[in-house]
Amino acid sequence: MNPKVIDTSDAPGAIGPYSQGWISNGLVFVSGQLPVAPETGAMPDSIVEQAEQSCKNVAAILSAAGSDATRVLKTTCFLTDMKNFVAFNNVYAKYFTQKPARSCVAVKELPKGALCEIEAIAISNWGVAYFCVYVIAAYYSETIALREYGKPAVQNHLNGRFFILS
């Protein structure tokens, strides 16, 4: 799978020489998301509101890449004050219910005076499709074909059935 840049208006645009994220080899790499509202460019004041907005921005980029928070493997979270750790975690836990691997570190400061930032690595829908194709191919030891029907599908040539992968 050729690498592809993720670009969506549902999350804030990059404020430097980088992209919102990339899809490559079945993985989604989401750049650090500040708590900036994409519609207005405004940033809320409290850590709870900022954590909420950062999570929404990560979710929007994952969605644009055909993924979601349940497919996140790893996050890295940046806080400017570890006194905000509990409040941040309470919001974070609502979005990342699968409990991905995570690092959370304190930093001296973040761009635009933000209190938090979140980056993520997730599995894309295509990553799951390629894995399933490989498993099915190994299981049946036969030639299979990948087709698009709105969702990735695998055709078993022996009986003509399609297995929809989600």
Foldseek 3Di string as FASTA:
>chain_A
DDKDAQDDLQAAADPDPDGQWIADLQKIWGPKGWLAGSVPRDHDDDLLSRLLSQLSRQQVSQVSLQHGLQFWAEKEKEFQDCVCVVSSVVNVCVGNVNDHHYHYYHDNADPPRTGMIMITMGGHLVNQVVVVVVVVCVVVVDDWDWDDDVAIWIADVVPRDIDGGD
